[in-house]
Amino acid sequence: MKNFKNYLVLLFVGLMVAGITSCKRNDGDREPISTDKTKPGIITNVKVDNYPGGAYITYTLPNSDNILYVQAKYQIRDGVSRETKSSYYTDTVNVEGFAKEADYDVTLYTVSRANVQSDPVKVTVHPQTPPYISIKATTSIGADFGGVNVKALNPLKKEIGVIVTAFDKSTNAMEIQDQHYTKSDTIDYSVRGFNTDNRNFGVYITDKFGNISDTIKQAISPLFEQLLDKSKFSPYNLASDTEIGYGWVLPNLWDGKTDGNSAGWHTNPGHTPPFVCTFNVGLSYKLSRFILWERPDQYAYGHGNPRIFSLWGSNVSSPKDSQLPVSAAVGTVIGDWTNIGNYHYPDPPSGLPPTAVNSADNAFVMAGVNFNISLAAPPVHFIRLAVAQTWSGGNFAHAMEISLYGKPE
């Protein structure tokens, strides 16, 4: 999971760079150099449209062919200044990154092609509550298997960071344990690697402008979890399971081999989704999460690798067969089987289309991807993996390995 977060950070930075680059345009015959040192006129008819964390300022440009851009200078918090420039092609400048809902002074200049500034025009903006503050108001932290779970809402889908801290006995201080960067509207993720000892945890929200919310602090005892013993796994063949293909039998799914040269689980072509396999995990477990390794290298993000899939479970001693649907809500019960999770394999971290992934995307696949199972899910003794859609959209599915975590019941 840490690898995935690193990819998210790189992707986040890449998107910012791409966004900046996309704002550039060819100025045609308006060269950005001029010998005309005349001071340009000021903007007029200034209007302000405030929004959460920022404001749009519209204006009328002076009637001149010597204008290159409009520059806005402002402070977003004490000691931190920003500048925003807007091309002469537009009549709006966006000022953003303000730390709180308050009045802020913005100074606007018209700048000529000879880099001469106009006289200043001052305007007051009053941004609404910044997203990092409103997101923090929805944030909660609670116990999870092997660590803590953080939930929050980000309805505007802004780029933010969720920072989790914990008390470290070696430094006798709260130390950063995890940094999760996202623009998802719903935040629900876990930080693991802790024993069950009670300790102080904290979580705060930051944004790309360096603003930091207050910290939510709570003493939490993480729940116990362990890696399920794969030596106790065994196939539990049901009539509605999808036929095996190419000799890639189901036990390959827990043989510990995740490389692209080994065999995994593979269904025979010619079937319709969901593509299903069923197995016994040996004991009854309250599951917390699982890691899925898909087929890497030339098959990464393609072929029969699962894109949309579900886990179904049963705690009955000898569960009967049931035809599983392509999709169903979590908690749906069909015969002896309960849907314990619906999942979408993450898109390529590079942002490239699935048909053109790079080496970093392949490394992400080879590392395995962690998926959480809700605390509300019932204990299970048997698992059914049901693939609703593969990355190729074909008529077969395959996967290399699965590791399950939880606590025995």
Protein backbone atom coordinates (compact mmCIF):
# COMPACT_ATOMS: atom_id res chain seq x y z
CA MET A 1 0.00 0.00 0.00
CA LYS A 2 2.92 2.31 0.72
CA ASN A 3 4.04 1.86 -2.91
CA PHE A 4 0.59 2.83 -4.07
CA LYS A 5 0.70 6.03 -2.00
CA ASN A 6 4.11 6.89 -3.45
CA TYR A 7 2.64 6.51 -6.93
CA LEU A 8 -0.24 8.77 -5.91
CA VAL A 9 2.21 11.46 -4.77
CA LEU A 10 4.11 11.24 -8.08
CA LEU A 11 0.85 11.30 -10.02
CA PHE A 12 -0.38 14.31 -7.99
CA VAL A 13 2.83 16.27 -8.77
CA GLY A 14 2.66 15.23 -12.43
CA LEU A 15 -0.91 16.46 -12.75
CA MET A 16 0.07 19.82 -11.25
CA VAL A 17 2.94 20.18 -13.73
CA ALA A 18 0.69 19.17 -16.61
CA GLY A 19 -1.90 21.69 -15.49
CA ILE A 20 0.65 24.49 -15.41
CA THR A 21 1.96 23.52 -18.82
CA SER A 22 -1.51 23.41 -20.32
CA CYS A 23 -2.10 27.04 -19.36
CA LYS A 24 0.61 28.19 -21.75
CA ARG A 25 -0.37 29.30 -25.22
CA ASN A 26 1.22 30.72 -28.31
CA ASP A 27 1.03 34.50 -28.21
CA GLY A 28 1.37 34.68 -31.98
CA ASP A 29 2.82 37.99 -33.13
CA ARG A 30 2.59 39.52 -29.64
CA GLU A 31 6.18 39.03 -28.61
CA PRO A 32 6.80 39.07 -24.83
CA ILE A 33 9.53 41.67 -25.41
CA SER A 34 8.92 45.32 -26.29
CA THR A 35 10.84 48.58 -26.28
CA ASP A 36 7.71 50.52 -25.34
CA LYS A 37 8.32 51.50 -21.70
CA THR A 38 5.02 53.35 -21.37
CA LYS A 39 3.26 52.53 -18.12
CA PRO A 40 0.13 50.54 -19.01
CA GLY A 41 -3.31 51.56 -17.87
CA ILE A 42 -5.07 49.90 -14.96
CA ILE A 43 -7.86 47.35 -15.05
CA THR A 44 -11.40 48.62 -14.38
CA ASN A 45 -14.87 47.25 -13.56
CA VAL A 46 -13.40 44.83 -11.02
CA LYS A 47 -15.78 42.20 -9.62
CA VAL A 48 -15.19 39.39 -7.11
CA ASP A 49 -16.78 35.93 -7.04
CA ASN A 50 -15.73 34.11 -3.85
CA TYR A 51 -15.61 30.32 -3.56
CA PRO A 52 -14.22 27.86 -0.95
CA GLY A 53 -10.57 28.76 -0.44
CA GLY A 54 -10.35 31.36 -3.22
CA ALA A 55 -11.98 33.88 -5.51
CA TYR A 56 -12.37 34.70 -9.18
CA ILE A 57 -11.65 38.33 -9.97
CA THR A 58 -13.04 39.64 -13.27
CA TYR A 59 -12.15 42.97 -14.84
CA THR A 60 -11.94 45.03 -18.01
CA LEU A 61 -8.49 45.40 -19.56
CA PRO A 62 -7.23 48.78 -20.75
CA ASN A 63 -7.52 49.34 -24.49
CA SER A 64 -3.92 48.66 -25.49
CA ASP A 65 -2.00 46.25 -27.73
CA ASN A 66 0.95 46.40 -25.33
CA ILE A 67 -0.66 44.35 -22.51
CA LEU A 68 0.87 40.93 -21.80
CA TYR A 69 -0.86 39.78 -18.61
CA VAL A 70 -2.57 40.75 -15.36
CA GLN A 71 -0.73 39.93 -12.15
CA ALA A 72 -2.34 39.36 -8.73
CA LYS A 73 -0.26 39.52 -5.54
CA TYR A 74 -1.65 38.42 -2.19
CA GLN A 75 -0.95 36.63 1.09
CA ILE A 76 -2.72 33.35 1.82
CA ARG A 77 -1.58 33.31 5.47
CA ASP A 78 0.93 35.18 7.62
CA GLY A 79 4.32 35.24 5.94
CA VAL A 80 3.24 33.34 2.82
CA SER A 81 2.67 35.26 -0.42
CA ARG A 82 1.45 34.08 -3.80
CA GLU A 83 1.31 35.52 -7.29
CA THR A 84 -1.14 34.58 -10.00
CA LYS A 85 -0.90 35.69 -13.61
CA SER A 86 -3.63 35.73 -16.22
CA SER A 87 -3.07 36.15 -19.96
CA TYR A 88 -4.44 39.16 -21.85
CA TYR A 89 -6.68 36.64 -23.64
CA THR A 90 -8.91 36.41 -20.55
CA ASP A 91 -10.72 38.81 -18.24
CA THR A 92 -10.42 36.71 -15.07
CA VAL A 93 -7.68 35.89 -12.59
CA ASN A 94 -8.01 33.11 -10.03
CA VAL A 95 -6.60 33.69 -6.53
CA GLU A 96 -6.55 30.61 -4.31
CA GLY A 97 -4.96 28.86 -1.36
CA PHE A 98 -6.29 31.12 1.41
CA ALA A 99 -5.94 29.61 4.87
CA LYS A 100 -9.32 30.60 6.28
CA GLU A 101 -12.59 32.39 5.64
CA ALA A 102 -11.66 36.06 6.09
CA ASP A 103 -10.97 39.31 4.24
CA TYR A 104 -7.76 39.35 2.19
CA ASP A 105 -6.26 42.17 0.15
CA VAL A 106 -5.28 41.40 -3.43
CA THR A 107 -3.18 43.84 -5.44
CA LEU A 108 -3.65 43.72 -9.21
CA TYR A 109 -1.28 45.03 -11.87
CA THR A 110 -1.44 45.23 -15.62
CA VAL A 111 1.96 44.24 -17.07
CA SER A 112 3.14 45.30 -20.51
CA ARG A 113 5.22 43.37 -23.02
CA ALA A 114 8.19 45.43 -21.84
CA ASN A 115 7.59 44.11 -18.30
CA VAL A 116 6.35 47.48 -17.05
CA GLN A 117 3.73 47.40 -14.29
CA SER A 118 0.71 49.64 -14.08
CA ASP A 119 -0.33 51.45 -10.95
CA PRO A 120 -1.81 49.02 -8.41
CA VAL A 121 -5.50 48.29 -8.05
CA LYS A 122 -6.46 46.88 -4.66
CA VAL A 123 -9.47 44.67 -4.09
CA THR A 124 -10.71 42.71 -1.08
CA VAL A 125 -11.76 39.08 -1.41
CA HIS A 126 -13.51 36.99 1.21
CA PRO A 127 -13.09 33.30 0.32
CA GLN A 128 -15.51 30.80 1.76
CA THR A 129 -14.30 28.09 4.16
CA PRO A 130 -11.30 26.37 2.52
CA PRO A 131 -11.79 22.69 1.60
CA TYR A 132 -9.07 21.41 3.94
CA ILE A 133 -10.98 22.88 6.89
CA SER A 134 -14.40 21.61 5.79
CA ILE A 135 -12.91 18.16 5.10
CA LYS A 136 -11.34 18.08 8.56
CA ALA A 137 -14.79 18.74 10.05
CA THR A 138 -16.00 15.45 8.51
CA THR A 139 -12.91 13.44 9.48
CA SER A 140 -13.01 10.59 11.98
CA ILE A 141 -10.40 8.07 13.12
CA GLY A 142 -11.11 4.71 14.72
CA ALA A 143 -9.69 1.28 15.44
CA ASP A 144 -9.04 -1.11 12.57
CA PHE A 145 -7.25 -4.40 12.20
CA GLY A 146 -3.55 -3.80 12.77
CA GLY A 147 -3.98 -0.03 12.98
CA VAL A 148 -6.51 2.73 12.46
CA ASN A 149 -9.10 3.66 9.87
CA VAL A 150 -9.68 7.22 8.67
CA LYS A 151 -12.92 8.41 7.08
CA ALA A 152 -13.67 11.84 5.61
CA LEU A 153 -15.71 13.55 2.89
CA ASN A 154 -14.23 15.65 0.08
CA PRO A 155 -17.31 16.64 -1.98
CA LEU A 156 -15.38 19.16 -4.10
CA LYS A 157 -12.75 16.51 -4.97
CA LYS A 158 -9.86 18.80 -4.09
CA GLU A 159 -6.27 17.57 -3.92
CA ILE A 160 -5.58 17.09 -0.23
CA GLY A 161 -3.33 15.11 2.06
CA VAL A 162 -4.53 13.05 5.03
CA ILE A 163 -1.68 12.82 7.53
CA VAL A 164 -1.79 10.19 10.29
CA THR A 165 0.45 10.49 13.35
CA ALA A 166 1.06 8.19 16.32
CA PHE A 167 2.97 8.37 19.58
CA ASP A 168 6.50 7.00 19.24
CA LYS A 169 8.09 5.76 22.46
CA SER A 170 11.60 6.12 21.02
CA THR A 171 11.19 9.88 20.50
CA ASN A 172 8.52 10.45 23.14
CA ALA A 173 6.59 12.46 20.56
CA MET A 174 3.85 12.18 17.95
CA GLU A 175 5.45 11.17 14.64
CA ILE A 176 4.04 11.00 11.10
CA GLN A 177 3.12 7.40 10.24
CA ASP A 178 1.43 7.82 6.89
CA GLN A 179 0.67 10.46 4.24
CA HIS A 180 -2.28 9.71 1.98
CA TYR A 181 -2.79 12.06 -1.00
CA THR A 182 -6.09 11.94 -2.83
CA LYS A 183 -8.79 13.89 -4.63
CA SER A 184 -11.47 11.26 -4.08
CA ASP A 185 -14.83 12.52 -2.81
CA THR A 186 -14.98 9.76 -0.19
CA ILE A 187 -11.93 8.98 1.95
CA ASP A 188 -11.85 5.60 3.68
CA TYR A 189 -8.43 4.09 4.21
CA SER A 190 -6.41 2.34 6.88
CA VAL A 191 -2.90 2.63 8.29
CA ARG A 192 -1.54 -0.67 9.58
CA GLY A 193 1.55 -2.20 11.14
CA PHE A 194 0.70 -1.67 14.82
CA ASN A 195 0.24 -4.11 17.68
CA THR A 196 -2.85 -4.02 19.87
CA ASP A 197 -1.35 -1.73 22.53
CA ASN A 198 -3.35 1.40 23.26
CA ARG A 199 -1.61 4.53 21.96
CA ASN A 200 -2.37 8.07 20.90
CA PHE A 201 -3.12 8.61 17.22
CA GLY A 202 -3.76 11.83 15.34
CA VAL A 203 -4.97 12.89 11.91
CA TYR A 204 -4.91 16.24 10.14
CA ILE A 205 -5.65 17.54 6.65
CA THR A 206 -3.30 19.55 4.45
CA ASP A 207 -3.59 20.99 0.95
CA LYS A 208 -1.24 21.75 -1.93
CA PHE A 209 -0.74 25.30 -0.63
CA GLY A 210 0.77 24.10 2.65
CA ASN A 211 -2.25 24.89 4.80
CA ILE A 212 -2.67 22.52 7.74
CA SER A 213 -5.79 21.86 9.80
CA ASP A 214 -5.97 21.25 13.52
CA THR A 215 -5.18 17.68 14.57
CA ILE A 216 -7.85 15.23 15.69
CA LYS A 217 -6.33 13.21 18.55
CA GLN A 218 -7.59 9.95 19.99
CA ALA A 219 -6.28 7.05 22.08
CA ILE A 220 -6.93 3.84 20.13
CA SER A 221 -6.20 0.14 20.58
CA PRO A 222 -5.76 -1.44 17.11
CA LEU A 223 -7.54 -4.72 16.50
CA PHE A 224 -5.56 -7.92 16.16
CA GLU A 225 -4.99 -9.33 12.66
CA GLN A 226 -2.82 -12.02 11.14
CA LEU A 227 -2.03 -13.37 7.70
CA LEU A 228 -4.23 -16.40 7.08
CA ASP A 229 -2.27 -19.65 6.88
CA LYS A 230 -2.38 -20.59 3.20
CA SER A 231 -1.34 -24.17 3.96
CA LYS A 232 -4.89 -24.64 5.24
CA PHE A 233 -6.51 -23.36 2.03
CA SER A 234 -8.17 -25.85 -0.32
CA PRO A 235 -10.46 -25.70 -3.38
CA TYR A 236 -14.18 -25.98 -2.68
CA ASN A 237 -15.54 -26.80 -6.11
CA LEU A 238 -19.09 -25.76 -6.88
CA ALA A 239 -21.10 -26.39 -10.03
CA SER A 240 -21.40 -22.67 -10.83
CA ASP A 241 -17.63 -22.08 -10.58
CA THR A 242 -16.05 -21.16 -13.90
CA GLU A 243 -14.18 -23.93 -15.69
CA ILE A 244 -10.39 -23.92 -15.23
CA GLY A 245 -8.27 -23.31 -18.32
CA TYR A 246 -4.70 -24.06 -19.45
CA GLY A 247 -3.92 -26.11 -16.34
CA TRP A 248 -3.82 -22.96 -14.18
CA VAL A 249 -5.57 -24.63 -11.25
CA LEU A 250 -7.05 -22.84 -8.26
CA PRO A 251 -4.32 -23.77 -5.68
CA ASN A 252 -1.92 -21.62 -7.73
CA LEU A 253 -3.81 -18.66 -6.24
CA TRP A 254 -2.15 -19.26 -2.86
CA ASP A 255 1.21 -20.86 -3.77
CA GLY A 256 3.21 -17.69 -3.02
CA LYS A 257 4.27 -17.11 -6.64
CA THR A 258 3.49 -13.66 -8.03
CA ASP A 259 5.98 -13.35 -10.90
CA GLY A 260 4.93 -13.27 -14.52
CA ASN A 261 6.60 -16.59 -15.34
CA SER A 262 4.61 -18.74 -12.91
CA ALA A 263 1.10 -20.10 -13.25
CA GLY A 264 -1.86 -18.60 -11.44
CA TRP A 265 -5.61 -19.17 -11.50
CA HIS A 266 -7.05 -18.99 -15.03
CA THR A 267 -10.53 -19.73 -16.33
CA ASN A 268 -11.27 -21.26 -19.70
CA PRO A 269 -12.29 -18.78 -22.45
CA GLY A 270 -15.83 -18.78 -23.75
CA HIS A 271 -17.72 -18.01 -20.55
CA THR A 272 -19.77 -15.04 -19.38
CA PRO A 273 -19.15 -13.08 -16.18
CA PRO A 274 -18.99 -13.37 -13.33
CA PHE A 275 -15.94 -15.64 -13.50
CA VAL A 276 -15.98 -17.45 -10.15
CA CYS A 277 -13.73 -19.62 -8.01
CA THR A 278 -14.44 -20.95 -4.51
CA PHE A 279 -12.08 -22.06 -1.75
CA ASN A 280 -11.94 -23.04 1.92
CA VAL A 281 -9.63 -20.96 4.16
CA GLY A 282 -9.41 -23.69 6.81
CA LEU A 283 -10.94 -21.85 9.78
CA SER A 284 -13.59 -19.26 10.49
CA TYR A 285 -12.12 -15.74 10.26
CA LYS A 286 -13.25 -12.18 10.71
CA LEU A 287 -11.45 -10.80 7.65
CA SER A 288 -9.84 -7.36 7.63
CA ARG A 289 -8.26 -7.04 4.18
CA PHE A 290 -6.60 -8.87 1.32
CA ILE A 291 -3.82 -8.30 -1.20
CA LEU A 292 -4.39 -9.30 -4.82
CA TRP A 293 -1.59 -9.85 -7.31
CA GLU A 294 -2.65 -9.64 -10.94
CA ARG A 295 -0.73 -10.99 -13.91
CA PRO A 296 2.15 -8.56 -14.65
CA ASP A 297 4.42 -7.64 -17.56
CA GLN A 298 2.72 -7.78 -20.98
CA TYR A 299 -0.57 -8.69 -19.28
CA ALA A 300 -0.60 -5.77 -16.80
CA TYR A 301 -3.88 -3.86 -17.06
CA GLY A 302 -5.06 -6.18 -19.80
CA HIS A 303 -6.02 -9.71 -20.80
CA GLY A 304 -7.97 -11.50 -18.04
CA ASN A 305 -6.81 -9.41 -15.08
CA PRO A 306 -9.76 -8.44 -12.84
CA ARG A 307 -10.93 -4.84 -13.11
CA ILE A 308 -14.23 -5.05 -11.21
CA PHE A 309 -14.76 -7.92 -8.80
CA SER A 310 -16.41 -9.01 -5.55
CA LEU A 311 -15.71 -11.27 -2.60
CA TRP A 312 -18.46 -13.48 -1.25
CA GLY A 313 -18.16 -15.46 1.97
CA SER A 314 -19.93 -18.15 3.95
CA ASN A 315 -19.55 -19.42 7.50
CA VAL A 316 -21.75 -22.46 6.92
CA SER A 317 -19.95 -25.77 7.47
CA SER A 318 -20.79 -27.05 3.97
CA PRO A 319 -22.22 -24.14 1.95
CA LYS A 320 -24.42 -24.99 -1.00
CA ASP A 321 -23.92 -23.68 -4.51
CA SER A 322 -25.66 -20.50 -5.65
CA GLN A 323 -25.40 -18.69 -8.96
CA LEU A 324 -23.79 -15.34 -8.16
CA PRO A 325 -24.91 -12.18 -9.98
CA VAL A 326 -22.58 -9.92 -11.94
CA SER A 327 -23.17 -7.19 -9.36
CA ALA A 328 -24.85 -6.90 -5.98
CA ALA A 329 -24.73 -4.55 -3.02
CA VAL A 330 -22.38 -5.33 -0.15
CA GLY A 331 -24.32 -7.36 2.42
CA THR A 332 -26.50 -9.07 -0.18
CA VAL A 333 -27.27 -12.66 0.86
CA ILE A 334 -27.83 -15.33 -1.79
CA GLY A 335 -28.35 -18.78 -0.32
CA ASP A 336 -25.42 -19.53 2.00
CA TRP A 337 -23.29 -16.69 0.55
CA THR A 338 -22.92 -13.03 1.60
CA ASN A 339 -21.31 -10.28 -0.45
CA ILE A 340 -18.49 -8.97 1.79
CA GLY A 341 -17.02 -6.45 -0.64
CA ASN A 342 -17.14 -4.92 -4.13
CA TYR A 343 -13.86 -3.70 -5.59
CA HIS A 344 -12.42 -1.76 -8.50
CA TYR A 345 -8.76 -2.41 -9.22
CA PRO A 346 -6.97 1.00 -9.28
CA ASP A 347 -6.31 2.63 -12.64
CA PRO A 348 -2.68 2.84 -13.83
CA PRO A 349 -0.89 5.20 -11.39
CA SER A 350 0.89 6.88 -14.32
CA GLY A 351 -2.41 8.17 -15.68
CA LEU A 352 -1.74 6.39 -18.97
CA PRO A 353 -4.52 4.37 -20.61
CA PRO A 354 -4.60 0.65 -19.73
CA THR A 355 -3.41 -0.17 -23.25
CA ALA A 356 -0.21 1.89 -22.85
CA VAL A 357 1.09 1.32 -19.32
CA ASN A 358 4.72 1.94 -18.39
CA SER A 359 7.29 0.21 -16.18
CA ALA A 360 6.09 2.03 -13.06
CA ASP A 361 2.54 0.75 -13.65
CA ASN A 362 3.89 -2.77 -14.03
CA ALA A 363 5.88 -2.43 -10.79
CA PHE A 364 2.65 -1.36 -9.08
CA VAL A 365 0.92 -4.52 -10.32
CA MET A 366 3.83 -6.73 -9.25
CA ALA A 367 3.78 -5.26 -5.72
CA GLY A 368 0.19 -6.38 -5.16
CA VAL A 369 -2.73 -4.13 -4.23
CA ASN A 370 -4.35 -3.96 -0.80
CA PHE A 371 -8.16 -3.96 -0.49
CA ASN A 372 -10.03 -3.45 2.79
CA ILE A 373 -12.93 -5.52 4.03
CA SER A 374 -15.56 -3.71 6.08
CA LEU A 375 -15.62 -4.19 9.83
CA ALA A 376 -19.33 -4.94 9.38
CA ALA A 377 -18.61 -8.02 7.24
CA PRO A 378 -19.57 -11.34 8.89
CA PRO A 379 -17.03 -14.08 9.73
CA VAL A 380 -16.34 -16.51 6.89
CA HIS A 381 -14.93 -20.00 6.43
CA PHE A 382 -15.29 -20.11 2.63
CA ILE A 383 -14.52 -17.49 -0.03
CA ARG A 384 -15.79 -16.94 -3.56
CA LEU A 385 -13.90 -14.56 -5.86
CA ALA A 386 -16.30 -13.31 -8.55
CA VAL A 387 -14.85 -11.25 -11.42
CA ALA A 388 -17.48 -9.06 -13.07
CA GLN A 389 -15.19 -7.38 -15.61
CA THR A 390 -11.62 -7.82 -16.76
CA TRP A 391 -9.35 -5.13 -18.18
CA SER A 392 -9.79 -6.55 -21.69
CA GLY A 393 -13.53 -7.08 -21.28
CA GLY A 394 -13.01 -10.64 -22.49
CA ASN A 395 -14.65 -13.96 -21.67
CA PHE A 396 -12.11 -15.30 -19.16
CA ALA A 397 -10.27 -14.17 -16.01
CA HIS A 398 -6.99 -14.84 -14.25
CA ALA A 399 -5.02 -13.77 -11.17
CA MET A 400 -1.66 -14.75 -9.70
CA GLU A 401 -2.04 -14.70 -5.90
CA ILE A 402 -4.24 -13.65 -3.00
CA SER A 403 -3.31 -13.09 0.65
CA LEU A 404 -6.04 -12.68 3.25
CA TYR A 405 -5.76 -11.05 6.69
CA GLY A 406 -8.01 -11.18 9.73
CA LYS A 407 -8.47 -12.82 13.11
CA PRO A 408 -9.73 -16.32 13.85
CA GLU A 409 -13.18 -16.61 15.37
